[in-house]
Amino acid sequence: EKIVSKRRRRRGGYEYYIKWVGYDESANEWIPEASLNCPARLEEFRREEARKRKRPKREKERSFFQKRRNYNNSNRSKKK
């Protein structure tokens, strides 16, 4: 099994979208967190989600500063 995604429930808590090993995609299902009995898989999923969230943020910051540097450099060359 593999945890693919999560979503917040209206009444609180989370549900996790599970991909079952050896089954077709149509067998995937949303399971409430309280019904899951796989703490290691949950921890692995949470670490991966945290890693994914951090990576794009850094790339955006770098691209912003890179764009700013390019903009400033292009304006300097036009002023001469």
PDB file of N, CA and C in Angstrom:
ATOM      1  N   GLU A   1       0.831  -1.181   0.000  1.00  0.00           N
ATOM      2  CA  GLU A   1       0.000   0.000   0.000  1.00  0.00           C
ATOM      3  C   GLU A   1       0.872   1.238   0.000  1.00  0.00           C
ATOM      4  N   LYS A   2       0.318   2.338  -0.514  1.00  0.00           N
ATOM      5  CA  LYS A   2       1.034   3.605  -0.545  1.00  0.00           C
ATOM      6  C   LYS A   2       0.036   4.726  -0.325  1.00  0.00           C
ATOM      7  N   ILE A   3       0.400   5.680   0.504  1.00  0.00           N
ATOM      8  CA  ILE A   3      -0.443   6.855   0.716  1.00  0.00           C
ATOM      9  C   ILE A   3      -0.109   7.846  -0.387  1.00  0.00           C
ATOM     10  N   VAL A   4      -1.126   8.214  -1.143  1.00  0.00           N
ATOM     11  CA  VAL A   4      -0.924   9.065  -2.311  1.00  0.00           C
ATOM     12  C   VAL A   4      -1.237  10.526  -2.014  1.00  0.00           C
ATOM     13  N   SER A   5      -2.270  10.773  -1.199  1.00  0.00           N
ATOM     14  CA  SER A   5      -2.718  12.137  -0.954  1.00  0.00           C
ATOM     15  C   SER A   5      -3.479  12.196   0.360  1.00  0.00           C
ATOM     16  N   LYS A   6      -3.783  13.419   0.800  1.00  0.00           N
ATOM     17  CA  LYS A   6      -4.627  13.575   1.983  1.00  0.00           C
ATOM     18  C   LYS A   6      -5.571  14.745   1.767  1.00  0.00           C
ATOM     19  N   ARG A   7      -6.667  14.728   2.506  1.00  0.00           N
ATOM     20  CA  ARG A   7      -7.612  15.841   2.460  1.00  0.00           C
ATOM     21  C   ARG A   7      -8.232  16.000   3.840  1.00  0.00           C
ATOM     22  N   ARG A   8      -8.655  17.224   4.124  1.00  0.00           N
ATOM     23  CA  ARG A   8      -9.287  17.516   5.405  1.00  0.00           C
ATOM     24  C   ARG A   8     -10.756  17.122   5.346  1.00  0.00           C
ATOM     25  N   ARG A   9     -11.234  16.519   6.417  1.00  0.00           N
ATOM     26  CA  ARG A   9     -12.644  16.139   6.509  1.00  0.00           C
ATOM     27  C   ARG A   9     -13.446  17.310   7.056  1.00  0.00           C
ATOM     28  N   ARG A  10     -14.695  17.400   6.688  1.00  0.00           N
ATOM     29  CA  ARG A  10     -15.555  18.488   7.160  1.00  0.00           C
ATOM     30  C   ARG A  10     -15.702  18.484   8.673  1.00  0.00           C
ATOM     31  N   ARG A  11     -15.736  17.321   9.249  1.00  0.00           N
ATOM     32  CA  ARG A  11     -15.936  17.201  10.697  1.00  0.00           C
ATOM     33  C   ARG A  11     -14.622  17.171  11.469  1.00  0.00           C
ATOM     34  N   GLY A  12     -13.553  17.476  10.814  1.00  0.00           N
ATOM     35  CA  GLY A  12     -12.236  17.476  11.451  1.00  0.00           C
ATOM     36  C   GLY A  12     -11.460  16.221  11.112  1.00  0.00           C
ATOM     37  N   GLY A  13     -10.175  16.294  11.274  1.00  0.00           N
ATOM     38  CA  GLY A  13      -9.316  15.163  10.947  1.00  0.00           C
ATOM     39  C   GLY A  13      -9.015  15.115   9.461  1.00  0.00           C
ATOM     40  N   TYR A  14      -8.347  14.040   9.076  1.00  0.00           N
ATOM     41  CA  TYR A  14      -7.938  13.877   7.686  1.00  0.00           C
ATOM     42  C   TYR A  14      -8.332  12.510   7.158  1.00  0.00           C
ATOM     43  N   GLU A  15      -8.412  12.451   5.829  1.00  0.00           N
ATOM     44  CA  GLU A  15      -8.560  11.185   5.113  1.00  0.00           C
ATOM     45  C   GLU A  15      -7.358  11.069   4.195  1.00  0.00           C
ATOM     46  N   TYR A  16      -6.918   9.849   3.994  1.00  0.00           N
ATOM     47  CA  TYR A  16      -5.760   9.593   3.141  1.00  0.00           C
ATOM     48  C   TYR A  16      -6.176   8.720   1.971  1.00  0.00           C
ATOM     49  N   TYR A  17      -5.679   9.085   0.788  1.00  0.00           N
ATOM     50  CA  TYR A  17      -5.980   8.340  -0.429  1.00  0.00           C
ATOM     51  C   TYR A  17      -4.947   7.232  -0.554  1.00  0.00           C
ATOM     52  N   ILE A  18      -5.408   5.993  -0.521  1.00  0.00           N
ATOM     53  CA  ILE A  18      -4.538   4.831  -0.477  1.00  0.00           C
ATOM     54  C   ILE A  18      -4.517   4.116  -1.823  1.00  0.00           C
ATOM     55  N   LYS A  19      -3.301   3.817  -2.288  1.00  0.00           N
ATOM     56  CA  LYS A  19      -3.094   2.972  -3.473  1.00  0.00           C
ATOM     57  C   LYS A  19      -2.717   1.598  -2.949  1.00  0.00           C
ATOM     58  N   TRP A  20      -3.576   0.613  -3.202  1.00  0.00           N
ATOM     59  CA  TRP A  20      -3.344  -0.743  -2.716  1.00  0.00           C
ATOM     60  C   TRP A  20      -2.423  -1.501  -3.655  1.00  0.00           C
ATOM     61  N   VAL A  21      -1.449  -2.186  -3.097  1.00  0.00           N
ATOM     62  CA  VAL A  21      -0.486  -2.975  -3.870  1.00  0.00           C
ATOM     63  C   VAL A  21      -1.209  -4.144  -4.527  1.00  0.00           C
ATOM     64  N   GLY A  22      -0.951  -4.333  -5.821  1.00  0.00           N
ATOM     65  CA  GLY A  22      -1.532  -5.458  -6.544  1.00  0.00           C
ATOM     66  C   GLY A  22      -2.940  -5.215  -7.057  1.00  0.00           C
ATOM     67  N   TYR A  23      -3.463  -4.000  -6.865  1.00  0.00           N
ATOM     68  CA  TYR A  23      -4.812  -3.681  -7.324  1.00  0.00           C
ATOM     69  C   TYR A  23      -4.771  -2.551  -8.339  1.00  0.00           C
ATOM     70  N   ASP A  24      -5.795  -2.485  -9.156  1.00  0.00           N
ATOM     71  CA  ASP A  24      -5.955  -1.453 -10.166  1.00  0.00           C
ATOM     72  C   ASP A  24      -6.222  -0.101  -9.486  1.00  0.00           C
ATOM     73  N   GLU A  25      -6.045   0.985 -10.247  1.00  0.00           N
ATOM     74  CA  GLU A  25      -6.316   2.331  -9.734  1.00  0.00           C
ATOM     75  C   GLU A  25      -7.759   2.486  -9.248  1.00  0.00           C
ATOM     76  N   SER A  26      -8.672   1.738  -9.824  1.00  0.00           N
ATOM     77  CA  SER A  26     -10.079   1.847  -9.423  1.00  0.00           C
ATOM     78  C   SER A  26     -10.307   1.355  -7.994  1.00  0.00           C
ATOM     79  N   ALA A  27      -9.348   0.619  -7.429  1.00  0.00           N
ATOM     80  CA  ALA A  27      -9.468   0.127  -6.054  1.00  0.00           C
ATOM     81  C   ALA A  27      -8.953   1.144  -5.030  1.00  0.00           C
ATOM     82  N   ASN A  28      -8.319   2.220  -5.494  1.00  0.00           N
ATOM     83  CA  ASN A  28      -7.844   3.255  -4.570  1.00  0.00           C
ATOM     84  C   ASN A  28      -9.028   3.828  -3.806  1.00  0.00           C
ATOM     85  N   GLU A  29      -8.789   4.213  -2.545  1.00  0.00           N
ATOM     86  CA  GLU A  29      -9.901   4.748  -1.758  1.00  0.00           C
ATOM     87  C   GLU A  29      -9.421   5.705  -0.680  1.00  0.00           C
ATOM     88  N   TRP A  30     -10.355   6.555  -0.224  1.00  0.00           N
ATOM     89  CA  TRP A  30     -10.102   7.481   0.871  1.00  0.00           C
ATOM     90  C   TRP A  30     -10.409   6.764   2.181  1.00  0.00           C
ATOM     91  N   ILE A  31      -9.443   6.782   3.098  1.00  0.00           N
ATOM     92  CA  ILE A  31      -9.585   6.112   4.386  1.00  0.00           C
ATOM     93  C   ILE A  31      -9.367   7.149   5.492  1.00  0.00           C
ATOM     94  N   PRO A  32     -10.251   7.217   6.491  1.00  0.00           N
ATOM     95  CA  PRO A  32     -10.034   8.145   7.613  1.00  0.00           C
ATOM     96  C   PRO A  32      -8.747   7.801   8.365  1.00  0.00           C
ATOM     97  N   GLU A  33      -8.076   8.823   8.851  1.00  0.00           N
ATOM     98  CA  GLU A  33      -6.814   8.617   9.563  1.00  0.00           C
ATOM     99  C   GLU A  33      -6.980   7.657  10.739  1.00  0.00           C
ATOM    100  N   ALA A  34      -8.089   7.754  11.446  1.00  0.00           N
ATOM    101  CA  ALA A  34      -8.327   6.895  12.609  1.00  0.00           C
ATOM    102  C   ALA A  34      -8.408   5.418  12.225  1.00  0.00           C
ATOM    103  N   SER A  35      -8.742   5.128  10.979  1.00  0.00           N
ATOM    104  CA  SER A  35      -8.877   3.740  10.535  1.00  0.00           C
ATOM    105  C   SER A  35      -7.567   3.147  10.016  1.00  0.00           C
ATOM    106  N   LEU A  36      -6.559   3.981   9.851  1.00  0.00           N
ATOM    107  CA  LEU A  36      -5.278   3.488   9.338  1.00  0.00           C
ATOM    108  C   LEU A  36      -4.451   2.896  10.474  1.00  0.00           C
ATOM    109  N   ASN A  37      -3.812   1.792  10.185  1.00  0.00           N
ATOM    110  CA  ASN A  37      -2.956   1.147  11.174  1.00  0.00           C
ATOM    111  C   ASN A  37      -1.563   0.962  10.580  1.00  0.00           C
ATOM    112  N   CYS A  38      -0.986   2.087  10.146  1.00  0.00           N
ATOM    113  CA  CYS A  38       0.347   2.022   9.531  1.00  0.00           C
ATOM    114  C   CYS A  38       1.116   3.309   9.862  1.00  0.00           C
ATOM    115  N   PRO A  39       1.536   3.464  11.112  1.00  0.00           N
ATOM    116  CA  PRO A  39       2.212   4.704  11.523  1.00  0.00           C
ATOM    117  C   PRO A  39       3.489   4.996  10.735  1.00  0.00           C
ATOM    118  N   ALA A  40       4.211   3.969  10.331  1.00  0.00           N
ATOM    119  CA  ALA A  40       5.446   4.193   9.566  1.00  0.00           C
ATOM    120  C   ALA A  40       5.133   4.803   8.203  1.00  0.00           C
ATOM    121  N   ARG A  41       4.092   4.319   7.543  1.00  0.00           N
ATOM    122  CA  ARG A  41       3.706   4.864   6.229  1.00  0.00           C
ATOM    123  C   ARG A  41       3.197   6.302   6.369  1.00  0.00           C
ATOM    124  N   LEU A  42       2.438   6.580   7.425  1.00  0.00           N
ATOM    125  CA  LEU A  42       1.959   7.947   7.659  1.00  0.00           C
ATOM    126  C   LEU A  42       3.137   8.895   7.866  1.00  0.00           C
ATOM    127  N   GLU A  43       4.092   8.485   8.660  1.00  0.00           N
ATOM    128  CA  GLU A  43       5.265   9.317   8.920  1.00  0.00           C
ATOM    129  C   GLU A  43       6.060   9.545   7.635  1.00  0.00           C
ATOM    130  N   GLU A  44       6.220   8.513   6.839  1.00  0.00           N
ATOM    131  CA  GLU A  44       6.921   8.631   5.557  1.00  0.00           C
ATOM    132  C   GLU A  44       6.196   9.620   4.641  1.00  0.00           C
ATOM    133  N   PHE A  45       4.871   9.517   4.576  1.00  0.00           N
ATOM    134  CA  PHE A  45       4.076  10.419   3.744  1.00  0.00           C
ATOM    135  C   PHE A  45       4.223  11.865   4.231  1.00  0.00           C
ATOM    136  N   ARG A  46       4.151  12.079   5.536  1.00  0.00           N
ATOM    137  CA  ARG A  46       4.262  13.433   6.095  1.00  0.00           C
ATOM    138  C   ARG A  46       5.632  14.045   5.825  1.00  0.00           C
ATOM    139  N   ARG A  47       6.679  13.254   5.955  1.00  0.00           N
ATOM    140  CA  ARG A  47       8.027  13.755   5.654  1.00  0.00           C
ATOM    141  C   ARG A  47       8.141  14.151   4.187  1.00  0.00           C
ATOM    142  N   GLU A  48       7.611  13.312   3.311  1.00  0.00           N
ATOM    143  CA  GLU A  48       7.660  13.591   1.875  1.00  0.00           C
ATOM    144  C   GLU A  48       6.866  14.851   1.538  1.00  0.00           C
ATOM    145  N   GLU A  49       5.705  15.027   2.139  1.00  0.00           N
ATOM    146  CA  GLU A  49       4.895  16.223   1.913  1.00  0.00           C
ATOM    147  C   GLU A  49       5.627  17.470   2.395  1.00  0.00           C
ATOM    148  N   ALA A  50       6.259  17.389   3.551  1.00  0.00           N
ATOM    149  CA  ALA A  50       7.011  18.529   4.078  1.00  0.00           C
ATOM    150  C   ALA A  50       8.172  18.875   3.152  1.00  0.00           C
ATOM    151  N   ARG A  51       8.848  17.867   2.649  1.00  0.00           N
ATOM    152  CA  ARG A  51       9.964  18.091   1.731  1.00  0.00           C
ATOM    153  C   ARG A  51       9.481  18.753   0.444  1.00  0.00           C
ATOM    154  N   LYS A  52       8.340  18.307  -0.069  1.00  0.00           N
ATOM    155  CA  LYS A  52       7.785  18.888  -1.299  1.00  0.00           C
ATOM    156  C   LYS A  52       7.395  20.342  -1.088  1.00  0.00           C
ATOM    157  N   ARG A  53       6.839  20.655   0.082  1.00  0.00           N
ATOM    158  CA  ARG A  53       6.419  22.028   0.363  1.00  0.00           C
ATOM    159  C   ARG A  53       7.610  22.971   0.462  1.00  0.00           C
ATOM    160  N   LYS A  54       8.706  22.514   1.025  1.00  0.00           N
ATOM    161  CA  LYS A  54       9.866  23.379   1.205  1.00  0.00           C
ATOM    162  C   LYS A  54      10.587  23.650  -0.102  1.00  0.00           C
ATOM    163  N   ARG A  55      10.712  22.659  -0.955  1.00  0.00           N
ATOM    164  CA  ARG A  55      11.487  22.797  -2.184  1.00  0.00           C
ATOM    165  C   ARG A  55      10.953  23.895  -3.109  1.00  0.00           C
ATOM    166  N   PRO A  56       9.681  23.924  -3.472  1.00  0.00           N
ATOM    167  CA  PRO A  56       9.210  24.974  -4.378  1.00  0.00           C
ATOM    168  C   PRO A  56       9.363  26.376  -3.797  1.00  0.00           C
ATOM    169  N   LYS A  57       9.222  26.507  -2.494  1.00  0.00           N
ATOM    170  CA  LYS A  57       9.349  27.815  -1.878  1.00  0.00           C
ATOM    171  C   LYS A  57      10.743  28.378  -2.119  1.00  0.00           C
ATOM    172  N   ARG A  58      11.762  27.572  -1.946  1.00  0.00           N
ATOM    173  CA  ARG A  58      13.134  28.018  -2.183  1.00  0.00           C
ATOM    174  C   ARG A  58      13.344  28.376  -3.648  1.00  0.00           C
ATOM    175  N   GLU A  59      12.789  27.577  -4.546  1.00  0.00           N
ATOM    176  CA  GLU A  59      12.952  27.854  -5.969  1.00  0.00           C
ATOM    177  C   GLU A  59      12.302  29.182  -6.332  1.00  0.00           C
ATOM    178  N   LYS A  60      11.146  29.481  -5.744  1.00  0.00           N
ATOM    179  CA  LYS A  60      10.482  30.746  -6.032  1.00  0.00           C
ATOM    180  C   LYS A  60      11.327  31.912  -5.539  1.00  0.00           C
ATOM    181  N   GLU A  61      11.892  31.787  -4.329  1.00  0.00           N
ATOM    182  CA  GLU A  61      12.720  32.861  -3.799  1.00  0.00           C
ATOM    183  C   GLU A  61      13.922  33.101  -4.706  1.00  0.00           C
ATOM    184  N   ARG A  62      14.563  32.039  -5.130  1.00  0.00           N
ATOM    185  CA  ARG A  62      15.718  32.183  -6.010  1.00  0.00           C
ATOM    186  C   ARG A  62      15.318  32.815  -7.335  1.00  0.00           C
ATOM    187  N   SER A  63      14.221  32.371  -7.891  1.00  0.00           N
ATOM    188  CA  SER A  63      13.819  32.908  -9.179  1.00  0.00           C
ATOM    189  C   SER A  63      13.440  34.382  -9.055  1.00  0.00           C
ATOM    190  N   PHE A  64      12.839  34.787  -7.932  1.00  0.00           N
ATOM    191  CA  PHE A  64      12.500  36.191  -7.725  1.00  0.00           C
ATOM    192  C   PHE A  64      13.771  37.038  -7.722  1.00  0.00           C
ATOM    193  N   PHE A  65      14.765  36.613  -6.945  1.00  0.00           N
ATOM    194  CA  PHE A  65      15.999  37.380  -6.869  1.00  0.00           C
ATOM    195  C   PHE A  65      16.768  37.346  -8.186  1.00  0.00           C
ATOM    196  N   GLN A  66      16.702  36.230  -8.869  1.00  0.00           N
ATOM    197  CA  GLN A  66      17.357  36.143 -10.173  1.00  0.00           C
ATOM    198  C   GLN A  66      16.693  37.109 -11.151  1.00  0.00           C
ATOM    199  N   LYS A  67      15.368  37.156 -11.158  1.00  0.00           N
ATOM    200  CA  LYS A  67      14.659  38.082 -12.041  1.00  0.00           C
ATOM    201  C   LYS A  67      15.004  39.526 -11.688  1.00  0.00           C
ATOM    202  N   ARG A  68      15.050  39.811 -10.392  1.00  0.00           N
ATOM    203  CA  ARG A  68      15.360  41.162  -9.940  1.00  0.00           C
ATOM    204  C   ARG A  68      16.763  41.560 -10.400  1.00  0.00           C
ATOM    205  N   ARG A  69      17.714  40.653 -10.257  1.00  0.00           N
ATOM    206  CA  ARG A  69      19.091  40.918 -10.670  1.00  0.00           C
ATOM    207  C   ARG A  69      19.135  41.164 -12.178  1.00  0.00           C
ATOM    208  N   ASN A  70      18.441  40.341 -12.942  1.00  0.00           N
ATOM    209  CA  ASN A  70      18.418  40.509 -14.398  1.00  0.00           C
ATOM    210  C   ASN A  70      17.777  41.836 -14.786  1.00  0.00           C
ATOM    211  N   TYR A  71      16.708  42.215 -14.094  1.00  0.00           N
ATOM    212  CA  TYR A  71      16.024  43.479 -14.365  1.00  0.00           C
ATOM    213  C   TYR A  71      16.959  44.654 -14.087  1.00  0.00           C
ATOM    214  N   ASN A  72      17.610  44.614 -12.936  1.00  0.00           N
ATOM    215  CA  ASN A  72      18.531  45.701 -12.583  1.00  0.00           C
ATOM    216  C   ASN A  72      19.685  45.792 -13.579  1.00  0.00           C
ATOM    217  N   ASN A  73      20.228  44.671 -13.985  1.00  0.00           N
ATOM    218  CA  ASN A  73      21.328  44.667 -14.949  1.00  0.00           C
ATOM    219  C   ASN A  73      20.887  45.210 -16.300  1.00  0.00           C
ATOM    220  N   SER A  74      19.691  44.887 -16.732  1.00  0.00           N
ATOM    221  CA  SER A  74      19.217  45.377 -18.030  1.00  0.00           C
ATOM    222  C   SER A  74      18.969  46.880 -17.982  1.00  0.00           C
ATOM    223  N   ASN A  75      18.506  47.403 -16.862  1.00  0.00           N
ATOM    224  CA  ASN A  75      18.288  48.849 -16.739  1.00  0.00           C
ATOM    225  C   ASN A  75      19.607  49.613 -16.717  1.00  0.00           C
ATOM    226  N   ARG A  76      20.628  49.049 -16.125  1.00  0.00           N
ATOM    227  CA  ARG A  76      21.943  49.705 -16.090  1.00  0.00           C
ATOM    228  C   ARG A  76      22.512  49.840 -17.494  1.00  0.00           C
ATOM    229  N   SER A  77      22.365  48.806 -18.289  1.00  0.00           N
ATOM    230  CA  SER A  77      22.920  48.854 -19.642  1.00  0.00           C
ATOM    231  C   SER A  77      22.144  49.831 -20.524  1.00  0.00           C
ATOM    232  N   LYS A  78      20.863  50.046 -20.268  1.00  0.00           N
ATOM    233  CA  LYS A  78      20.063  50.987 -21.058  1.00  0.00           C
ATOM    234  C   LYS A  78      20.415  52.432 -20.721  1.00  0.00           C
ATOM    235  N   LYS A  79      20.815  52.694 -19.473  1.00  0.00           N
ATOM    236  CA  LYS A  79      21.119  54.057 -19.041  1.00  0.00           C
ATOM    237  C   LYS A  79      22.412  54.578 -19.650  1.00  0.00           C
ATOM    238  N   LYS A  80      23.315  53.707 -20.051  1.00  0.00           N
ATOM    239  CA  LYS A  80      24.619  54.140 -20.585  1.00  0.00           C
ATOM    240  C   LYS A  80      24.531  54.709 -21.947  1.00  0.00           C
TER     241      LYS A  80
END
